[in-house]
Amino acid sequence: KVKSQKSEGELYQLIQLPIEKWKGRIVNNFEEPVFRKHPVLKKIKSQLYSHGAVYASMSGSGSAVYGFFEHKPELKQVFSKYIVTTGEIT
């Protein structure tokens, strides 16, 4: 069940901040219930942060987990076990 959570501010104000300040402020309310049901997605988000993402989140209701990086990270080896279609991360 998804519960509405108040953001620290209105979204249109928050997106004006530098991306480095989005963590903990811009939140996808679907993450908590989806991560409970699919903990691997929570692990992927955590790995994005541990490899240098300045912000990471789940898109919409969970079709993707993404991260913004200041510098291009080398993630092929880290995430290769999650790739099932092409075998490549571009």
N, C-alpha and C. Protein backbone atom coordinates (compact mmCIF):
# COMPACT_ATOMS: atom_id res chain seq x y z
N LYS A 1 0.84 -1.17 0.00
CA LYS A 1 0.00 0.00 0.00
C LYS A 1 0.88 1.24 0.00
N VAL A 2 0.57 2.19 -0.85
CA VAL A 2 1.35 3.42 -0.96
C VAL A 2 0.71 4.49 -0.08
N LYS A 3 1.53 5.09 0.76
CA LYS A 3 1.06 6.17 1.62
C LYS A 3 1.67 7.47 1.14
N SER A 4 0.85 8.48 1.03
CA SER A 4 1.34 9.79 0.64
C SER A 4 2.25 10.33 1.73
N GLN A 5 3.40 10.83 1.31
CA GLN A 5 4.34 11.43 2.25
C GLN A 5 4.59 12.85 1.82
N LYS A 6 4.72 13.72 2.77
CA LYS A 6 5.04 15.10 2.47
C LYS A 6 6.52 15.21 2.16
N SER A 7 6.84 15.89 1.09
CA SER A 7 8.22 16.19 0.78
C SER A 7 8.65 17.35 1.67
N GLU A 8 9.96 17.55 1.72
CA GLU A 8 10.48 18.66 2.52
C GLU A 8 10.00 19.99 1.95
N GLY A 9 9.63 20.03 0.70
CA GLY A 9 9.11 21.23 0.05
C GLY A 9 8.35 20.81 -1.19
N GLU A 10 7.78 21.75 -1.85
CA GLU A 10 7.06 21.43 -3.07
C GLU A 10 8.06 20.96 -4.13
N LEU A 11 7.65 19.99 -4.94
CA LEU A 11 8.55 19.40 -5.92
C LEU A 11 9.14 20.44 -6.86
N TYR A 12 8.33 21.35 -7.33
CA TYR A 12 8.86 22.35 -8.28
C TYR A 12 9.92 23.23 -7.64
N GLN A 13 9.90 23.39 -6.33
CA GLN A 13 10.95 24.14 -5.65
C GLN A 13 12.19 23.25 -5.46
N LEU A 14 11.94 21.99 -5.11
CA LEU A 14 13.05 21.08 -4.84
C LEU A 14 13.89 20.82 -6.08
N ILE A 15 13.27 20.71 -7.24
CA ILE A 15 14.05 20.41 -8.43
C ILE A 15 14.92 21.60 -8.86
N GLN A 16 14.71 22.75 -8.25
CA GLN A 16 15.57 23.90 -8.52
C GLN A 16 16.90 23.79 -7.76
N LEU A 17 16.93 22.94 -6.74
CA LEU A 17 18.15 22.73 -5.97
C LEU A 17 19.16 21.95 -6.80
N PRO A 18 20.44 22.05 -6.47
CA PRO A 18 21.42 21.18 -7.14
C PRO A 18 21.07 19.71 -6.86
N ILE A 19 21.31 18.84 -7.81
CA ILE A 19 20.96 17.43 -7.68
C ILE A 19 21.55 16.83 -6.41
N GLU A 20 22.73 17.28 -6.01
CA GLU A 20 23.38 16.76 -4.81
C GLU A 20 22.54 16.95 -3.56
N LYS A 21 21.56 17.84 -3.60
CA LYS A 21 20.70 18.10 -2.43
C LYS A 21 19.36 17.40 -2.52
N TRP A 22 19.12 16.61 -3.57
CA TRP A 22 17.84 15.93 -3.73
C TRP A 22 17.68 14.74 -2.78
N LYS A 23 18.78 14.07 -2.45
CA LYS A 23 18.71 12.86 -1.62
C LYS A 23 17.99 13.17 -0.30
N GLY A 24 16.97 12.37 0.00
CA GLY A 24 16.20 12.56 1.21
C GLY A 24 15.11 13.61 1.10
N ARG A 25 15.13 14.38 0.03
CA ARG A 25 14.13 15.43 -0.17
C ARG A 25 13.13 15.08 -1.25
N ILE A 26 13.63 14.56 -2.37
CA ILE A 26 12.74 14.15 -3.46
C ILE A 26 12.60 12.63 -3.33
N VAL A 27 11.39 12.21 -3.01
CA VAL A 27 11.14 10.82 -2.64
C VAL A 27 10.03 10.23 -3.50
N ASN A 28 10.23 9.01 -3.96
CA ASN A 28 9.20 8.28 -4.69
C ASN A 28 8.43 7.45 -3.66
N ASN A 29 7.18 7.76 -3.44
CA ASN A 29 6.36 7.06 -2.43
C ASN A 29 6.17 5.58 -2.74
N PHE A 30 6.40 5.16 -3.97
CA PHE A 30 6.25 3.75 -4.32
C PHE A 30 7.45 2.92 -3.85
N GLU A 31 8.58 3.57 -3.57
CA GLU A 31 9.78 2.81 -3.24
C GLU A 31 9.59 1.89 -2.03
N GLU A 32 9.08 2.41 -0.95
CA GLU A 32 8.98 1.60 0.28
C GLU A 32 8.20 0.30 0.06
N PRO A 33 6.97 0.32 -0.49
CA PRO A 33 6.27 -0.95 -0.67
C PRO A 33 6.90 -1.84 -1.74
N VAL A 34 7.44 -1.24 -2.81
CA VAL A 34 8.08 -2.05 -3.85
C VAL A 34 9.36 -2.68 -3.33
N PHE A 35 10.14 -1.93 -2.55
CA PHE A 35 11.39 -2.46 -2.00
C PHE A 35 11.12 -3.58 -0.99
N ARG A 36 10.02 -3.48 -0.27
CA ARG A 36 9.66 -4.58 0.65
C ARG A 36 9.39 -5.86 -0.12
N LYS A 37 8.69 -5.72 -1.24
CA LYS A 37 8.33 -6.90 -2.03
C LYS A 37 9.50 -7.40 -2.89
N HIS A 38 10.37 -6.47 -3.30
CA HIS A 38 11.50 -6.81 -4.18
C HIS A 38 12.77 -6.16 -3.61
N PRO A 39 13.34 -6.74 -2.55
CA PRO A 39 14.50 -6.14 -1.89
C PRO A 39 15.72 -5.96 -2.79
N VAL A 40 15.81 -6.69 -3.88
CA VAL A 40 16.94 -6.52 -4.79
C VAL A 40 16.95 -5.10 -5.37
N LEU A 41 15.78 -4.49 -5.54
CA LEU A 41 15.72 -3.13 -6.07
C LEU A 41 16.30 -2.13 -5.07
N LYS A 42 16.04 -2.36 -3.79
CA LYS A 42 16.62 -1.51 -2.75
C LYS A 42 18.14 -1.66 -2.74
N LYS A 43 18.61 -2.89 -2.94
CA LYS A 43 20.04 -3.15 -2.99
C LYS A 43 20.68 -2.43 -4.18
N ILE A 44 20.02 -2.45 -5.32
CA ILE A 44 20.54 -1.77 -6.49
C ILE A 44 20.66 -0.27 -6.23
N LYS A 45 19.63 0.31 -5.63
CA LYS A 45 19.68 1.75 -5.32
C LYS A 45 20.84 2.04 -4.38
N SER A 46 21.00 1.22 -3.37
CA SER A 46 22.10 1.39 -2.42
C SER A 46 23.45 1.28 -3.12
N GLN A 47 23.58 0.33 -4.06
CA GLN A 47 24.83 0.16 -4.79
C GLN A 47 25.12 1.37 -5.68
N LEU A 48 24.09 1.98 -6.23
CA LEU A 48 24.30 3.19 -7.02
C LEU A 48 24.93 4.27 -6.14
N TYR A 49 24.40 4.45 -4.93
CA TYR A 49 24.97 5.43 -4.01
C TYR A 49 26.40 5.04 -3.61
N SER A 50 26.62 3.78 -3.33
CA SER A 50 27.96 3.38 -2.89
C SER A 50 28.99 3.48 -4.01
N HIS A 51 28.56 3.60 -5.25
CA HIS A 51 29.47 3.77 -6.37
C HIS A 51 29.48 5.21 -6.89
N GLY A 52 29.01 6.13 -6.07
CA GLY A 52 29.18 7.54 -6.39
C GLY A 52 27.99 8.31 -6.89
N ALA A 53 26.81 7.72 -6.93
CA ALA A 53 25.64 8.49 -7.38
C ALA A 53 25.40 9.65 -6.42
N VAL A 54 25.07 10.81 -6.98
CA VAL A 54 24.71 11.95 -6.13
C VAL A 54 23.22 11.93 -5.82
N TYR A 55 22.45 11.19 -6.64
CA TYR A 55 21.03 10.98 -6.38
C TYR A 55 20.63 9.70 -7.08
N ALA A 56 19.82 8.90 -6.42
CA ALA A 56 19.30 7.66 -7.01
C ALA A 56 17.85 7.51 -6.59
N SER A 57 17.06 6.90 -7.45
CA SER A 57 15.65 6.72 -7.16
C SER A 57 15.09 5.62 -8.04
N MET A 58 13.87 5.25 -7.74
CA MET A 58 13.12 4.32 -8.57
C MET A 58 12.20 5.17 -9.43
N SER A 59 12.10 4.84 -10.70
CA SER A 59 11.21 5.59 -11.58
C SER A 59 9.78 5.11 -11.38
N GLY A 60 8.86 6.03 -11.36
CA GLY A 60 7.44 5.71 -11.29
C GLY A 60 7.11 4.60 -10.32
N SER A 61 6.45 3.56 -10.83
CA SER A 61 6.06 2.45 -9.97
C SER A 61 7.06 1.29 -10.05
N GLY A 62 8.22 1.54 -10.62
CA GLY A 62 9.28 0.54 -10.52
C GLY A 62 9.80 -0.07 -11.80
N SER A 63 9.66 0.61 -12.93
CA SER A 63 10.20 0.02 -14.15
C SER A 63 11.71 0.14 -14.22
N ALA A 64 12.28 1.05 -13.43
CA ALA A 64 13.74 1.23 -13.44
C ALA A 64 14.20 1.85 -12.13
N VAL A 65 15.47 1.60 -11.81
CA VAL A 65 16.15 2.28 -10.73
C VAL A 65 17.33 2.98 -11.40
N TYR A 66 17.50 4.26 -11.12
CA TYR A 66 18.51 5.04 -11.82
C TYR A 66 19.33 5.89 -10.85
N GLY A 67 20.45 6.37 -11.33
CA GLY A 67 21.28 7.25 -10.54
C GLY A 67 21.88 8.34 -11.40
N PHE A 68 22.12 9.49 -10.78
CA PHE A 68 22.84 10.59 -11.41
C PHE A 68 24.24 10.61 -10.81
N PHE A 69 25.24 10.71 -11.67
CA PHE A 69 26.63 10.70 -11.25
C PHE A 69 27.34 11.94 -11.74
N GLU A 70 28.27 12.42 -10.94
CA GLU A 70 29.08 13.56 -11.35
C GLU A 70 30.09 13.12 -12.42
N HIS A 71 30.63 11.91 -12.26
CA HIS A 71 31.57 11.34 -13.21
C HIS A 71 31.07 9.97 -13.64
N LYS A 72 31.35 9.59 -14.87
CA LYS A 72 30.88 8.31 -15.38
C LYS A 72 31.50 7.17 -14.55
N PRO A 73 30.66 6.38 -13.90
CA PRO A 73 31.18 5.28 -13.08
C PRO A 73 31.40 4.01 -13.92
N GLU A 74 32.19 3.12 -13.42
CA GLU A 74 32.37 1.81 -14.05
C GLU A 74 31.46 0.84 -13.30
N LEU A 75 30.32 0.52 -13.88
CA LEU A 75 29.32 -0.28 -13.19
C LEU A 75 29.03 -1.63 -13.85
N LYS A 76 29.63 -1.90 -14.98
CA LYS A 76 29.31 -3.15 -15.69
C LYS A 76 29.49 -4.37 -14.80
N GLN A 77 30.62 -4.45 -14.12
CA GLN A 77 30.87 -5.63 -13.28
C GLN A 77 29.92 -5.67 -12.09
N VAL A 78 29.63 -4.51 -11.50
CA VAL A 78 28.76 -4.44 -10.33
C VAL A 78 27.36 -4.94 -10.64
N PHE A 79 26.83 -4.53 -11.79
CA PHE A 79 25.43 -4.81 -12.10
C PHE A 79 25.23 -5.90 -13.15
N SER A 80 26.28 -6.53 -13.62
CA SER A 80 26.14 -7.53 -14.68
C SER A 80 25.22 -8.68 -14.28
N LYS A 81 25.16 -9.01 -13.00
CA LYS A 81 24.29 -10.10 -12.56
C LYS A 81 22.80 -9.77 -12.68
N TYR A 82 22.48 -8.47 -12.83
CA TYR A 82 21.07 -8.07 -12.94
C TYR A 82 20.61 -7.96 -14.39
N ILE A 83 21.54 -7.97 -15.34
CA ILE A 83 21.20 -7.80 -16.75
C ILE A 83 20.77 -9.14 -17.32
N VAL A 84 19.56 -9.17 -17.87
CA VAL A 84 19.04 -10.43 -18.40
C VAL A 84 18.73 -10.36 -19.90
N THR A 85 18.71 -9.17 -20.48
CA THR A 85 18.32 -9.09 -21.88
C THR A 85 19.53 -8.99 -22.80
N THR A 86 20.31 -7.93 -22.71
CA THR A 86 21.41 -7.72 -23.66
C THR A 86 22.75 -8.11 -23.10
N GLY A 87 22.87 -8.18 -21.79
CA GLY A 87 24.16 -8.48 -21.19
C GLY A 87 25.08 -7.29 -21.11
N GLU A 88 24.59 -6.10 -21.50
CA GLU A 88 25.42 -4.90 -21.48
C GLU A 88 24.73 -3.76 -20.77
N ILE A 89 25.55 -2.95 -20.15
CA ILE A 89 25.09 -1.67 -19.60
C ILE A 89 25.78 -0.60 -20.42
N THR A 90 25.01 0.29 -21.00
CA THR A 90 25.62 1.35 -21.81
C THR A 90 25.56 2.66 -21.10
